[in-house]
Structures are given as C-alpha cells and as structure tokens.
Amino acid sequence: MISVALVADSGAAMEAMTQSVSTLSRVNIVRHCHGRAPIGRALARFAPDLVLVDEMHWPRLALQRIEEIRATLPHARIVVRAERPEAGWLADALRAGASAVVPATAGAETLGLVLAEVVSEHHLDVHAKPAALAA
C-alpha cells in the first residue's frame, strides 16, 4: 500500500486529485493539505510515501511546498501535477526535489502508473549522490 498526501490551493484541484487517486488500488490517501500555508508538521505526522503537489495558482507556492516536503520528509517521493506541462518553472520543481511531473489531464490509469513507478524500488533517485561521488 502506498500512502499519499495531496497538496493543492483550490477546492477544484483537490477534488480532481482526490477523485483520480482514490480510484487507484494499493493507494491510500493519508492527508489533504492546503498549499498556501506551511505543511511540514502536518505531513511529518503521517509520513507519506508520496506527496502529490498541484501546480497551484502561484507556482512559487508549489516550489516552496516541494522544498518544505524535501526538508521534512527526505525519503518521500514528490510528484507535481501540472496544468501547463510546458511551464518553465517545472525544471525548478525537479531541482527542488520533485521526482516527476504529470499533466493534470492525465487519466487515473496514467497517474497510477506514474505514482507506482516513482515509489518503486527501481526508480532512479536523481537527488542522491552517485556512489562514486559519495565516497
């Protein structure tokens, strides 16, 4: 079972994310968080495996939440749900600690595949130092 927290700054986005994620087998939504306020303490208590972060009305808020999640839950995977997958700030989201970006228009099946791959043992952790550099 994959524990997932959802972060959004609007009811419509939260509802869309909840509907998509709740249809997936082996996924349990453990927390809904409003993205306009700090979420670190709220998420720490639930220690989700994955956090799905909406693009939000102000992408800078999404970046702040990603940085906060990464600092509070370093082992959690982060997936950004983007209304505009071509947006330039998404590269910043990946640098800040997101593991993947998925278009908001992706269906539940595609979302499920992305979430499963991101938390799988075979997923490449782009934020970990390669063994040769860690020594």
C-alpha atoms as a PDB file:
ATOM      1  CA  MET A   1       0.000   0.000   0.000  1.00  0.00           C
ATOM      2  CA  ILE A   2       1.329   3.435  -0.978  1.00  0.00           C
ATOM      3  CA  SER A   3       0.452   6.254   1.415  1.00  0.00           C
ATOM      4  CA  VAL A   4      -0.183   9.521  -0.414  1.00  0.00           C
ATOM      5  CA  ALA A   5      -0.711  13.105   0.734  1.00  0.00           C
ATOM      6  CA  LEU A   6      -2.320  15.660  -1.558  1.00  0.00           C
ATOM      7  CA  VAL A   7      -1.389  19.360  -1.647  1.00  0.00           C
ATOM      8  CA  ALA A   8      -3.414  21.974  -3.528  1.00  0.00           C
ATOM      9  CA  ASP A   9      -4.573  25.556  -3.087  1.00  0.00           C
ATOM     10  CA  SER A  10      -8.078  25.215  -4.507  1.00  0.00           C
ATOM     11  CA  GLY A  11     -11.029  23.008  -3.831  1.00  0.00           C
ATOM     12  CA  ALA A  12     -11.383  22.135  -7.514  1.00  0.00           C
ATOM     13  CA  ALA A  13      -7.788  20.919  -7.793  1.00  0.00           C
ATOM     14  CA  MET A  14      -8.027  18.998  -4.518  1.00  0.00           C
ATOM     15  CA  GLU A  15     -11.265  17.357  -5.651  1.00  0.00           C
ATOM     16  CA  ALA A  16      -9.788  16.366  -9.023  1.00  0.00           C
ATOM     17  CA  MET A  17      -6.679  14.922  -7.378  1.00  0.00           C
ATOM     18  CA  THR A  18      -8.732  13.061  -4.765  1.00  0.00           C
ATOM     19  CA  GLN A  19     -11.018  11.561  -7.403  1.00  0.00           C
ATOM     20  CA  SER A  20      -8.078  10.383  -9.519  1.00  0.00           C
ATOM     21  CA  VAL A  21      -6.029   8.983  -6.666  1.00  0.00           C
ATOM     22  CA  SER A  22      -8.937   7.339  -4.849  1.00  0.00           C
ATOM     23  CA  THR A  23      -9.637   5.144  -7.888  1.00  0.00           C
ATOM     24  CA  LEU A  24      -6.195   3.563  -7.680  1.00  0.00           C
ATOM     25  CA  SER A  25      -5.697   0.230  -5.982  1.00  0.00           C
ATOM     26  CA  ARG A  26      -2.868  -0.054  -3.460  1.00  0.00           C
ATOM     27  CA  VAL A  27      -3.023   3.702  -2.756  1.00  0.00           C
ATOM     28  CA  ASN A  28      -4.237   5.217   0.500  1.00  0.00           C
ATOM     29  CA  ILE A  29      -4.752   8.976   0.854  1.00  0.00           C
ATOM     30  CA  VAL A  30      -3.471   9.824   4.325  1.00  0.00           C
ATOM     31  CA  ARG A  31      -3.677  13.628   4.283  1.00  0.00           C
ATOM     32  CA  HIS A  32      -5.079  16.591   2.349  1.00  0.00           C
ATOM     33  CA  CYS A  33      -3.111  19.829   2.809  1.00  0.00           C
ATOM     34  CA  HIS A  34      -3.858  23.376   1.744  1.00  0.00           C
ATOM     35  CA  GLY A  35      -0.861  24.555  -0.262  1.00  0.00           C
ATOM     36  CA  ARG A  36      -0.983  28.227   0.705  1.00  0.00           C
ATOM     37  CA  ALA A  37       0.346  27.521   4.215  1.00  0.00           C
ATOM     38  CA  PRO A  38       3.322  25.557   5.544  1.00  0.00           C
ATOM     39  CA  ILE A  39       2.635  21.813   5.599  1.00  0.00           C
ATOM     40  CA  GLY A  40       5.768  20.242   7.088  1.00  0.00           C
ATOM     41  CA  ARG A  41       4.404  19.425  10.533  1.00  0.00           C
ATOM     42  CA  ALA A  42       1.079  18.222   9.143  1.00  0.00           C
ATOM     43  CA  LEU A  43       2.833  15.802   6.803  1.00  0.00           C
ATOM     44  CA  ALA A  44       5.528  14.645   9.231  1.00  0.00           C
ATOM     45  CA  ARG A  45       2.918  13.052  11.456  1.00  0.00           C
ATOM     46  CA  PHE A  46       1.628  10.888   8.581  1.00  0.00           C
ATOM     47  CA  ALA A  47       4.986  10.205   6.863  1.00  0.00           C
ATOM     48  CA  PRO A  48       3.509   9.564   3.398  1.00  0.00           C
ATOM     49  CA  ASP A  49       5.461   7.586   0.828  1.00  0.00           C
ATOM     50  CA  LEU A  50       4.480  10.091  -1.829  1.00  0.00           C
ATOM     51  CA  VAL A  51       3.164  13.649  -1.950  1.00  0.00           C
ATOM     52  CA  LEU A  52       1.193  14.829  -4.973  1.00  0.00           C
ATOM     53  CA  VAL A  53       1.556  18.609  -5.284  1.00  0.00           C
ATOM     54  CA  ASP A  54      -0.698  20.626  -7.556  1.00  0.00           C
ATOM     55  CA  GLU A  55       0.783  23.402  -9.695  1.00  0.00           C
ATOM     56  CA  MET A  56      -1.342  25.905  -7.721  1.00  0.00           C
ATOM     57  CA  HIS A  57      -2.310  29.396  -8.799  1.00  0.00           C
ATOM     58  CA  TRP A  58       1.177  30.658  -7.975  1.00  0.00           C
ATOM     59  CA  PRO A  59       3.814  28.095  -8.934  1.00  0.00           C
ATOM     60  CA  ARG A  60       6.210  29.701  -6.431  1.00  0.00           C
ATOM     61  CA  LEU A  61       3.963  28.255  -3.697  1.00  0.00           C
ATOM     62  CA  ALA A  62       4.349  24.805  -5.217  1.00  0.00           C
ATOM     63  CA  LEU A  63       8.134  25.252  -5.186  1.00  0.00           C
ATOM     64  CA  GLN A  64       8.038  26.322  -1.530  1.00  0.00           C
ATOM     65  CA  ARG A  65       5.932  23.281  -0.617  1.00  0.00           C
ATOM     66  CA  ILE A  66       8.314  20.965  -2.519  1.00  0.00           C
ATOM     67  CA  GLU A  67      11.325  22.392  -0.681  1.00  0.00           C
ATOM     68  CA  GLU A  68       9.488  22.061   2.617  1.00  0.00           C
ATOM     69  CA  ILE A  69       8.482  18.449   1.930  1.00  0.00           C
ATOM     70  CA  ARG A  70      12.025  17.580   0.916  1.00  0.00           C
ATOM     71  CA  ALA A  71      13.396  19.093   4.166  1.00  0.00           C
ATOM     72  CA  THR A  72      10.768  17.480   6.401  1.00  0.00           C
ATOM     73  CA  LEU A  73      10.382  14.112   4.668  1.00  0.00           C
ATOM     74  CA  PRO A  74      13.613  13.433   2.771  1.00  0.00           C
ATOM     75  CA  HIS A  75      12.566   9.902   1.778  1.00  0.00           C
ATOM     76  CA  ALA A  76       9.126  10.832   0.450  1.00  0.00           C
ATOM     77  CA  ARG A  77       8.678  10.989  -3.292  1.00  0.00           C
ATOM     78  CA  ILE A  78       7.098  14.112  -4.746  1.00  0.00           C
ATOM     79  CA  VAL A  79       5.045  14.273  -7.932  1.00  0.00           C
ATOM     80  CA  VAL A  80       3.885  17.591  -9.361  1.00  0.00           C
ATOM     81  CA  ARG A  81       0.505  17.764 -11.108  1.00  0.00           C
ATOM     82  CA  ALA A  82       0.840  20.440 -13.784  1.00  0.00           C
ATOM     83  CA  GLU A  83      -1.927  22.234 -15.650  1.00  0.00           C
ATOM     84  CA  ARG A  84       0.699  23.545 -18.066  1.00  0.00           C
ATOM     85  CA  PRO A  85       3.306  20.785 -18.546  1.00  0.00           C
ATOM     86  CA  GLU A  86       5.376  23.120 -20.744  1.00  0.00           C
ATOM     87  CA  ALA A  87       5.799  25.692 -17.946  1.00  0.00           C
ATOM     88  CA  GLY A  88       9.396  26.729 -17.332  1.00  0.00           C
ATOM     89  CA  TRP A  89       9.128  26.511 -13.539  1.00  0.00           C
ATOM     90  CA  LEU A  90       8.788  22.709 -13.707  1.00  0.00           C
ATOM     91  CA  ALA A  91      12.546  22.352 -14.163  1.00  0.00           C
ATOM     92  CA  ASP A  92      12.885  24.286 -10.899  1.00  0.00           C
ATOM     93  CA  ALA A  93      10.430  21.844  -9.294  1.00  0.00           C
ATOM     94  CA  LEU A  94      12.611  18.910 -10.300  1.00  0.00           C
ATOM     95  CA  ARG A  95      15.729  20.661  -8.992  1.00  0.00           C
ATOM     96  CA  ALA A  96      13.910  21.430  -5.717  1.00  0.00           C
ATOM     97  CA  GLY A  97      13.222  17.746  -5.143  1.00  0.00           C
ATOM     98  CA  ALA A  98      10.252  16.608  -7.202  1.00  0.00           C
ATOM     99  CA  SER A  99      10.656  13.119  -8.619  1.00  0.00           C
ATOM    100  CA  ALA A 100       8.276  13.545 -11.551  1.00  0.00           C
ATOM    101  CA  VAL A 101       5.755  15.795 -13.245  1.00  0.00           C
ATOM    102  CA  VAL A 102       2.411  14.545 -14.515  1.00  0.00           C
ATOM    103  CA  PRO A 103      -0.050  16.561 -16.619  1.00  0.00           C
ATOM    104  CA  ALA A 104      -3.305  17.425 -14.854  1.00  0.00           C
ATOM    105  CA  THR A 105      -5.104  15.951 -17.859  1.00  0.00           C
ATOM    106  CA  ALA A 106      -3.584  12.507 -17.287  1.00  0.00           C
ATOM    107  CA  GLY A 107      -6.209   9.883 -16.604  1.00  0.00           C
ATOM    108  CA  ALA A 108      -6.305   7.766 -13.467  1.00  0.00           C
ATOM    109  CA  GLU A 109      -4.535   4.870 -15.193  1.00  0.00           C
ATOM    110  CA  THR A 110      -1.610   7.059 -16.278  1.00  0.00           C
ATOM    111  CA  LEU A 111      -1.447   8.702 -12.868  1.00  0.00           C
ATOM    112  CA  GLY A 112      -1.400   5.281 -11.222  1.00  0.00           C
ATOM    113  CA  LEU A 113       1.475   4.140 -13.437  1.00  0.00           C
ATOM    114  CA  VAL A 114       3.499   7.276 -12.664  1.00  0.00           C
ATOM    115  CA  LEU A 115       2.915   7.021  -8.904  1.00  0.00           C
ATOM    116  CA  ALA A 116       3.808   3.321  -8.856  1.00  0.00           C
ATOM    117  CA  GLU A 117       6.984   3.915 -10.845  1.00  0.00           C
ATOM    118  CA  VAL A 118       8.051   6.826  -8.666  1.00  0.00           C
ATOM    119  CA  VAL A 119       7.808   4.795  -5.457  1.00  0.00           C
ATOM    120  CA  SER A 120       9.168   1.563  -6.942  1.00  0.00           C
ATOM    121  CA  GLU A 121      12.471   0.110  -5.878  1.00  0.00           C
ATOM    122  CA  HIS A 122      13.738   0.549  -9.440  1.00  0.00           C
ATOM    123  CA  HIS A 123      13.145   4.289  -9.552  1.00  0.00           C
ATOM    124  CA  LEU A 124      16.298   6.315 -10.067  1.00  0.00           C
ATOM    125  CA  ASP A 125      16.744   8.792  -7.220  1.00  0.00           C
ATOM    126  CA  VAL A 126      18.030  11.855  -9.045  1.00  0.00           C
ATOM    127  CA  HIS A 127      18.654  13.627  -5.750  1.00  0.00           C
ATOM    128  CA  ALA A 128      21.024  11.022  -4.336  1.00  0.00           C
ATOM    129  CA  LYS A 129      24.744  11.363  -4.962  1.00  0.00           C
ATOM    130  CA  PRO A 130      26.159   8.643  -7.213  1.00  0.00           C
ATOM    131  CA  ALA A 131      28.231   6.093  -5.272  1.00  0.00           C
ATOM    132  CA  ALA A 132      31.420   7.365  -6.921  1.00  0.00           C
ATOM    133  CA  LEU A 133      30.742  10.904  -5.660  1.00  0.00           C
ATOM    134  CA  ALA A 134      29.546   9.878  -2.196  1.00  0.00           C
ATOM    135  CA  ALA A 135      32.932   8.408  -1.225  1.00  0.00           C
END
